[in-house]
Amino acid sequence: MKYIIDRLEEGIAVCENELKKLISIPKDLLPDGLKEGDVLEEQEGRFLRDEQGTEARRKEMRKKLMDLFD
């Protein structure tokens, strides 16, 4: 399952899963250095940053933002 970090709060990351449901994940279960908008992938009970998914999402968001100004 994949998750997108919606926001980081004290001790937790609030994430949206593929079903558009928000869940809270304790930060101690996550890799260091995560930011809002990062894509996570759960593998065998561990959460890993999906580098390709994160970069693709950032490019998509940049394009949408630029389209607003065209």
PDB file of N, CA and C in Angstrom:
ATOM      1  N   MET A   1       0.859  -1.175   0.000  1.00  0.00           N
ATOM      2  CA  MET A   1       0.000   0.000   0.000  1.00  0.00           C
ATOM      3  C   MET A   1       0.894   1.224   0.000  1.00  0.00           C
ATOM      4  N   LYS A   2       0.452   2.270  -0.700  1.00  0.00           N
ATOM      5  CA  LYS A   2       1.191   3.526  -0.752  1.00  0.00           C
ATOM      6  C   LYS A   2       0.436   4.597   0.027  1.00  0.00           C
ATOM      7  N   TYR A   3       1.195   5.551   0.545  1.00  0.00           N
ATOM      8  CA  TYR A   3       0.665   6.634   1.360  1.00  0.00           C
ATOM      9  C   TYR A   3       1.340   7.932   0.945  1.00  0.00           C
ATOM     10  N   ILE A   4       0.615   9.040   1.069  1.00  0.00           N
ATOM     11  CA  ILE A   4       1.178  10.368   0.848  1.00  0.00           C
ATOM     12  C   ILE A   4       1.110  11.100   2.187  1.00  0.00           C
ATOM     13  N   ILE A   5       2.233  11.692   2.579  1.00  0.00           N
ATOM     14  CA  ILE A   5       2.256  12.435   3.840  1.00  0.00           C
ATOM     15  C   ILE A   5       1.489  13.734   3.655  1.00  0.00           C
ATOM     16  N   ASP A   6       0.385  13.866   4.369  1.00  0.00           N
ATOM     17  CA  ASP A   6      -0.443  15.067   4.325  1.00  0.00           C
ATOM     18  C   ASP A   6       0.149  16.148   5.216  1.00  0.00           C
ATOM     19  N   ARG A   7       0.515  15.752   6.417  1.00  0.00           N
ATOM     20  CA  ARG A   7       1.125  16.707   7.350  1.00  0.00           C
ATOM     21  C   ARG A   7       1.896  15.951   8.428  1.00  0.00           C
ATOM     22  N   LEU A   8       2.858  16.656   8.997  1.00  0.00           N
ATOM     23  CA  LEU A   8       3.649  16.119  10.095  1.00  0.00           C
ATOM     24  C   LEU A   8       3.278  16.863  11.354  1.00  0.00           C
ATOM     25  N   GLU A   9       2.932  16.121  12.368  1.00  0.00           N
ATOM     26  CA  GLU A   9       2.583  16.702  13.657  1.00  0.00           C
ATOM     27  C   GLU A   9       3.524  16.115  14.698  1.00  0.00           C
ATOM     28  N   GLU A  10       3.414  16.594  15.901  1.00  0.00           N
ATOM     29  CA  GLU A  10       4.300  16.124  16.955  1.00  0.00           C
ATOM     30  C   GLU A  10       4.146  14.618  17.154  1.00  0.00           C
ATOM     31  N   GLY A  11       5.164  13.883  16.746  1.00  0.00           N
ATOM     32  CA  GLY A  11       5.189  12.447  16.981  1.00  0.00           C
ATOM     33  C   GLY A  11       4.456  11.586  15.962  1.00  0.00           C
ATOM     34  N   ILE A  12       3.730  12.208  15.016  1.00  0.00           N
ATOM     35  CA  ILE A  12       3.009  11.412  14.024  1.00  0.00           C
ATOM     36  C   ILE A  12       3.063  12.060  12.639  1.00  0.00           C
ATOM     37  N   ALA A  13       2.852  11.214  11.642  1.00  0.00           N
ATOM     38  CA  ALA A  13       2.654  11.688  10.273  1.00  0.00           C
ATOM     39  C   ALA A  13       1.226  11.315   9.892  1.00  0.00           C
ATOM     40  N   VAL A  14       0.458  12.297   9.479  1.00  0.00           N
ATOM     41  CA  VAL A  14      -0.906  12.047   9.009  1.00  0.00           C
ATOM     42  C   VAL A  14      -0.783  11.807   7.507  1.00  0.00           C
ATOM     43  N   CYS A  15      -1.220  10.617   7.067  1.00  0.00           N
ATOM     44  CA  CYS A  15      -1.026  10.201   5.683  1.00  0.00           C
ATOM     45  C   CYS A  15      -2.353   9.802   5.056  1.00  0.00           C
ATOM     46  N   GLU A  16      -2.413   9.974   3.742  1.00  0.00           N
ATOM     47  CA  GLU A  16      -3.587   9.551   2.977  1.00  0.00           C
ATOM     48  C   GLU A  16      -3.193   8.292   2.210  1.00  0.00           C
ATOM     49  N   ASN A  17      -4.005   7.238   2.352  1.00  0.00           N
ATOM     50  CA  ASN A  17      -3.690   6.014   1.629  1.00  0.00           C
ATOM     51  C   ASN A  17      -4.339   6.020   0.255  1.00  0.00           C
ATOM     52  N   GLU A  18      -4.151   4.938  -0.483  1.00  0.00           N
ATOM     53  CA  GLU A  18      -4.668   4.850  -1.856  1.00  0.00           C
ATOM     54  C   GLU A  18      -6.194   4.883  -1.914  1.00  0.00           C
ATOM     55  N   LEU A  19      -6.829   4.604  -0.795  1.00  0.00           N
ATOM     56  CA  LEU A  19      -8.286   4.628  -0.723  1.00  0.00           C
ATOM     57  C   LEU A  19      -8.818   5.989  -0.267  1.00  0.00           C
ATOM     58  N   LYS A  20      -7.912   6.985  -0.195  1.00  0.00           N
ATOM     59  CA  LYS A  20      -8.240   8.361   0.222  1.00  0.00           C
ATOM     60  C   LYS A  20      -8.627   8.467   1.692  1.00  0.00           C
ATOM     61  N   LYS A  21      -8.191   7.497   2.491  1.00  0.00           N
ATOM     62  CA  LYS A  21      -8.465   7.497   3.924  1.00  0.00           C
ATOM     63  C   LYS A  21      -7.233   8.024   4.659  1.00  0.00           C
ATOM     64  N   LEU A  22      -7.461   8.923   5.630  1.00  0.00           N
ATOM     65  CA  LEU A  22      -6.358   9.454   6.427  1.00  0.00           C
ATOM     66  C   LEU A  22      -6.034   8.499   7.574  1.00  0.00           C
ATOM     67  N   ILE A  23      -4.748   8.258   7.757  1.00  0.00           N
ATOM     68  CA  ILE A  23      -4.296   7.437   8.876  1.00  0.00           C
ATOM     69  C   ILE A  23      -3.122   8.151   9.542  1.00  0.00           C
ATOM     70  N   SER A  24      -2.905   7.850  10.808  1.00  0.00           N
ATOM     71  CA  SER A  24      -1.777   8.408  11.553  1.00  0.00           C
ATOM     72  C   SER A  24      -0.731   7.321  11.740  1.00  0.00           C
ATOM     73  N   ILE A  25       0.509   7.661  11.405  1.00  0.00           N
ATOM     74  CA  ILE A  25       1.617   6.727  11.553  1.00  0.00           C
ATOM     75  C   ILE A  25       2.622   7.365  12.502  1.00  0.00           C
ATOM     76  N   PRO A  26       3.003   6.654  13.568  1.00  0.00           N
ATOM     77  CA  PRO A  26       4.015   7.205  14.477  1.00  0.00           C
ATOM     78  C   PRO A  26       5.326   7.480  13.734  1.00  0.00           C
ATOM     79  N   LYS A  27       5.921   8.640  13.991  1.00  0.00           N
ATOM     80  CA  LYS A  27       7.150   9.024  13.304  1.00  0.00           C
ATOM     81  C   LYS A  27       8.290   8.041  13.549  1.00  0.00           C
ATOM     82  N   ASP A  28       8.287   7.370  14.688  1.00  0.00           N
ATOM     83  CA  ASP A  28       9.384   6.440  14.961  1.00  0.00           C
ATOM     84  C   ASP A  28       9.331   5.197  14.068  1.00  0.00           C
ATOM     85  N   LEU A  29       8.245   5.016  13.318  1.00  0.00           N
ATOM     86  CA  LEU A  29       8.145   3.911  12.355  1.00  0.00           C
ATOM     87  C   LEU A  29       8.568   4.338  10.947  1.00  0.00           C
ATOM     88  N   LEU A  30       8.911   5.628  10.799  1.00  0.00           N
ATOM     89  CA  LEU A  30       9.215   6.188   9.488  1.00  0.00           C
ATOM     90  C   LEU A  30      10.689   6.545   9.372  1.00  0.00           C
ATOM     91  N   PRO A  31      11.205   6.557   8.126  1.00  0.00           N
ATOM     92  CA  PRO A  31      12.595   6.987   7.932  1.00  0.00           C
ATOM     93  C   PRO A  31      12.755   8.468   8.278  1.00  0.00           C
ATOM     94  N   ASP A  32      13.960   8.856   8.617  1.00  0.00           N
ATOM     95  CA  ASP A  32      14.263  10.262   8.909  1.00  0.00           C
ATOM     96  C   ASP A  32      14.225  11.095   7.637  1.00  0.00           C
ATOM     97  N   GLY A  33      13.968  12.372   7.799  1.00  0.00           N
ATOM     98  CA  GLY A  33      14.065  13.328   6.711  1.00  0.00           C
ATOM     99  C   GLY A  33      12.858  13.418   5.797  1.00  0.00           C
ATOM    100  N   LEU A  34      11.738  12.873   6.203  1.00  0.00           N
ATOM    101  CA  LEU A  34      10.543  12.942   5.370  1.00  0.00           C
ATOM    102  C   LEU A  34       9.919  14.332   5.426  1.00  0.00           C
ATOM    103  N   LYS A  35       9.207  14.671   4.335  1.00  0.00           N
ATOM    104  CA  LYS A  35       8.533  15.966   4.253  1.00  0.00           C
ATOM    105  C   LYS A  35       7.093  15.748   3.811  1.00  0.00           C
ATOM    106  N   GLU A  36       6.282  16.769   4.031  1.00  0.00           N
ATOM    107  CA  GLU A  36       4.901  16.733   3.553  1.00  0.00           C
ATOM    108  C   GLU A  36       4.915  16.535   2.043  1.00  0.00           C
ATOM    109  N   GLY A  37       4.052  15.671   1.551  1.00  0.00           N
ATOM    110  CA  GLY A  37       3.976  15.387   0.124  1.00  0.00           C
ATOM    111  C   GLY A  37       4.785  14.180  -0.306  1.00  0.00           C
ATOM    112  N   ASP A  38       5.675  13.696   0.551  1.00  0.00           N
ATOM    113  CA  ASP A  38       6.448  12.499   0.214  1.00  0.00           C
ATOM    114  C   ASP A  38       5.530  11.299   0.093  1.00  0.00           C
ATOM    115  N   VAL A  39       5.920  10.380  -0.786  1.00  0.00           N
ATOM    116  CA  VAL A  39       5.177   9.143  -0.975  1.00  0.00           C
ATOM    117  C   VAL A  39       5.888   8.035  -0.207  1.00  0.00           C
ATOM    118  N   LEU A  40       5.109   7.292   0.559  1.00  0.00           N
ATOM    119  CA  LEU A  40       5.631   6.159   1.320  1.00  0.00           C
ATOM    120  C   LEU A  40       5.067   4.868   0.755  1.00  0.00           C
ATOM    121  N   GLU A  41       5.844   3.815   0.901  1.00  0.00           N
ATOM    122  CA  GLU A  41       5.371   2.492   0.517  1.00  0.00           C
ATOM    123  C   GLU A  41       5.556   1.572   1.712  1.00  0.00           C
ATOM    124  N   GLU A  42       4.521   0.806   2.017  1.00  0.00           N
ATOM    125  CA  GLU A  42       4.601  -0.146   3.118  1.00  0.00           C
ATOM    126  C   GLU A  42       5.018  -1.498   2.548  1.00  0.00           C
ATOM    127  N   GLN A  43       6.095  -2.030   3.100  1.00  0.00           N
ATOM    128  CA  GLN A  43       6.596  -3.343   2.682  1.00  0.00           C
ATOM    129  C   GLN A  43       6.893  -4.167   3.922  1.00  0.00           C
ATOM    130  N   GLU A  44       6.145  -5.239   4.075  1.00  0.00           N
ATOM    131  CA  GLU A  44       6.345  -6.158   5.201  1.00  0.00           C
ATOM    132  C   GLU A  44       6.338  -5.431   6.542  1.00  0.00           C
ATOM    133  N   GLY A  45       5.397  -4.505   6.691  1.00  0.00           N
ATOM    134  CA  GLY A  45       5.247  -3.791   7.946  1.00  0.00           C
ATOM    135  C   GLY A  45       6.203  -2.631   8.150  1.00  0.00           C
ATOM    136  N   ARG A  46       7.051  -2.358   7.162  1.00  0.00           N
ATOM    137  CA  ARG A  46       7.992  -1.241   7.245  1.00  0.00           C
ATOM    138  C   ARG A  46       7.579  -0.173   6.237  1.00  0.00           C
ATOM    139  N   PHE A  47       7.826   1.067   6.574  1.00  0.00           N
ATOM    140  CA  PHE A  47       7.509   2.184   5.690  1.00  0.00           C
ATOM    141  C   PHE A  47       8.799   2.719   5.083  1.00  0.00           C
ATOM    142  N   LEU A  48       8.810   2.801   3.757  1.00  0.00           N
ATOM    143  CA  LEU A  48       9.972   3.295   3.033  1.00  0.00           C
ATOM    144  C   LEU A  48       9.554   4.452   2.152  1.00  0.00           C
ATOM    145  N   ARG A  49      10.458   5.403   1.952  1.00  0.00           N
ATOM    146  CA  ARG A  49      10.173   6.526   1.050  1.00  0.00           C
ATOM    147  C   ARG A  49      10.268   6.026  -0.374  1.00  0.00           C
ATOM    148  N   ASP A  50       9.239   6.262  -1.160  1.00  0.00           N
ATOM    149  CA  ASP A  50       9.211   5.892  -2.572  1.00  0.00           C
ATOM    150  C   ASP A  50       9.794   7.074  -3.349  1.00  0.00           C
ATOM    151  N   GLU A  51      11.084   6.978  -3.674  1.00  0.00           N
ATOM    152  CA  GLU A  51      11.791   8.084  -4.330  1.00  0.00           C
ATOM    153  C   GLU A  51      11.153   8.438  -5.674  1.00  0.00           C
ATOM    154  N   GLN A  52      10.880   7.437  -6.495  1.00  0.00           N
ATOM    155  CA  GLN A  52      10.309   7.693  -7.817  1.00  0.00           C
ATOM    156  C   GLN A  52       8.897   8.249  -7.706  1.00  0.00           C
ATOM    157  N   GLY A  53       8.100   7.687  -6.808  1.00  0.00           N
ATOM    158  CA  GLY A  53       6.740   8.166  -6.608  1.00  0.00           C
ATOM    159  C   GLY A  53       6.710   9.594  -6.091  1.00  0.00           C
ATOM    160  N   THR A  54       7.623   9.904  -5.185  1.00  0.00           N
ATOM    161  CA  THR A  54       7.705  11.257  -4.630  1.00  0.00           C
ATOM    162  C   THR A  54       8.077  12.255  -5.716  1.00  0.00           C
ATOM    163  N   GLU A  55       9.086  11.926  -6.518  1.00  0.00           N
ATOM    164  CA  GLU A  55       9.517  12.836  -7.573  1.00  0.00           C
ATOM    165  C   GLU A  55       8.427  13.021  -8.627  1.00  0.00           C
ATOM    166  N   ALA A  56       7.757  11.946  -9.012  1.00  0.00           N
ATOM    167  CA  ALA A  56       6.667  12.042  -9.998  1.00  0.00           C
ATOM    168  C   ALA A  56       5.539  12.914  -9.462  1.00  0.00           C
ATOM    169  N   ARG A  57       5.212  12.760  -8.185  1.00  0.00           N
ATOM    170  CA  ARG A  57       4.145  13.561  -7.579  1.00  0.00           C
ATOM    171  C   ARG A  57       4.534  15.033  -7.529  1.00  0.00           C
ATOM    172  N   ARG A  58       5.779  15.322  -7.176  1.00  0.00           N
ATOM    173  CA  ARG A  58       6.242  16.714  -7.120  1.00  0.00           C
ATOM    174  C   ARG A  58       6.176  17.367  -8.514  1.00  0.00           C
ATOM    175  N   LYS A  59       6.582  16.624  -9.550  1.00  0.00           N
ATOM    176  CA  LYS A  59       6.515  17.161 -10.915  1.00  0.00           C
ATOM    177  C   LYS A  59       5.061  17.436 -11.301  1.00  0.00           C
ATOM    178  N   GLU A  60       4.175  16.523 -10.954  1.00  0.00           N
ATOM    179  CA  GLU A  60       2.754  16.695 -11.271  1.00  0.00           C
ATOM    180  C   GLU A  60       2.188  17.927 -10.570  1.00  0.00           C
ATOM    181  N   MET A  61       2.545  18.119  -9.302  1.00  0.00           N
ATOM    182  CA  MET A  61       2.053  19.278  -8.548  1.00  0.00           C
ATOM    183  C   MET A  61       2.617  20.576  -9.121  1.00  0.00           C
ATOM    184  N   ARG A  62       3.908  20.576  -9.531  1.00  0.00           N
ATOM    185  CA  ARG A  62       4.502  21.762 -10.140  1.00  0.00           C
ATOM    186  C   ARG A  62       3.775  22.124 -11.433  1.00  0.00           C
ATOM    187  N   LYS A  63       3.482  21.103 -12.251  1.00  0.00           N
ATOM    188  CA  LYS A  63       2.782  21.337 -13.515  1.00  0.00           C
ATOM    189  C   LYS A  63       1.395  21.931 -13.263  1.00  0.00           C
ATOM    190  N   LYS A  64       0.673  21.391 -12.294  1.00  0.00           N
ATOM    191  CA  LYS A  64      -0.660  21.923 -11.972  1.00  0.00           C
ATOM    192  C   LYS A  64      -0.565  23.375 -11.523  1.00  0.00           C
ATOM    193  N   LEU A  65       0.442  23.673 -10.724  1.00  0.00           N
ATOM    194  CA  LEU A  65       0.631  25.046 -10.245  1.00  0.00           C
ATOM    195  C   LEU A  65       0.939  25.986 -11.405  1.00  0.00           C
ATOM    196  N   MET A  66       1.820  25.564 -12.293  1.00  0.00           N
ATOM    197  CA  MET A  66       2.171  26.393 -13.446  1.00  0.00           C
ATOM    198  C   MET A  66       0.971  26.581 -14.375  1.00  0.00           C
ATOM    199  N   ASP A  67       0.129  25.560 -14.518  1.00  0.00           N
ATOM    200  CA  ASP A  67      -1.070  25.669 -15.356  1.00  0.00           C
ATOM    201  C   ASP A  67      -2.036  26.719 -14.816  1.00  0.00           C
ATOM    202  N   LEU A  68      -2.021  26.955 -13.521  1.00  0.00           N
ATOM    203  CA  LEU A  68      -2.890  27.981 -12.949  1.00  0.00           C
ATOM    204  C   LEU A  68      -2.513  29.380 -13.408  1.00  0.00           C
ATOM    205  N   PHE A  69      -1.233  29.571 -13.724  1.00  0.00           N
ATOM    206  CA  PHE A  69      -0.734  30.889 -14.096  1.00  0.00           C
ATOM    207  C   PHE A  69      -0.667  31.092 -15.599  1.00  0.00           C
ATOM    208  N   ASP A  70      -0.984  30.089 -16.382  1.00  0.00           N
ATOM    209  CA  ASP A  70      -0.967  30.221 -17.856  1.00  0.00           C
ATOM    210  C   ASP A  70      -2.239  30.831 -18.367  1.00  0.00           C
TER     211      ASP A  70
END
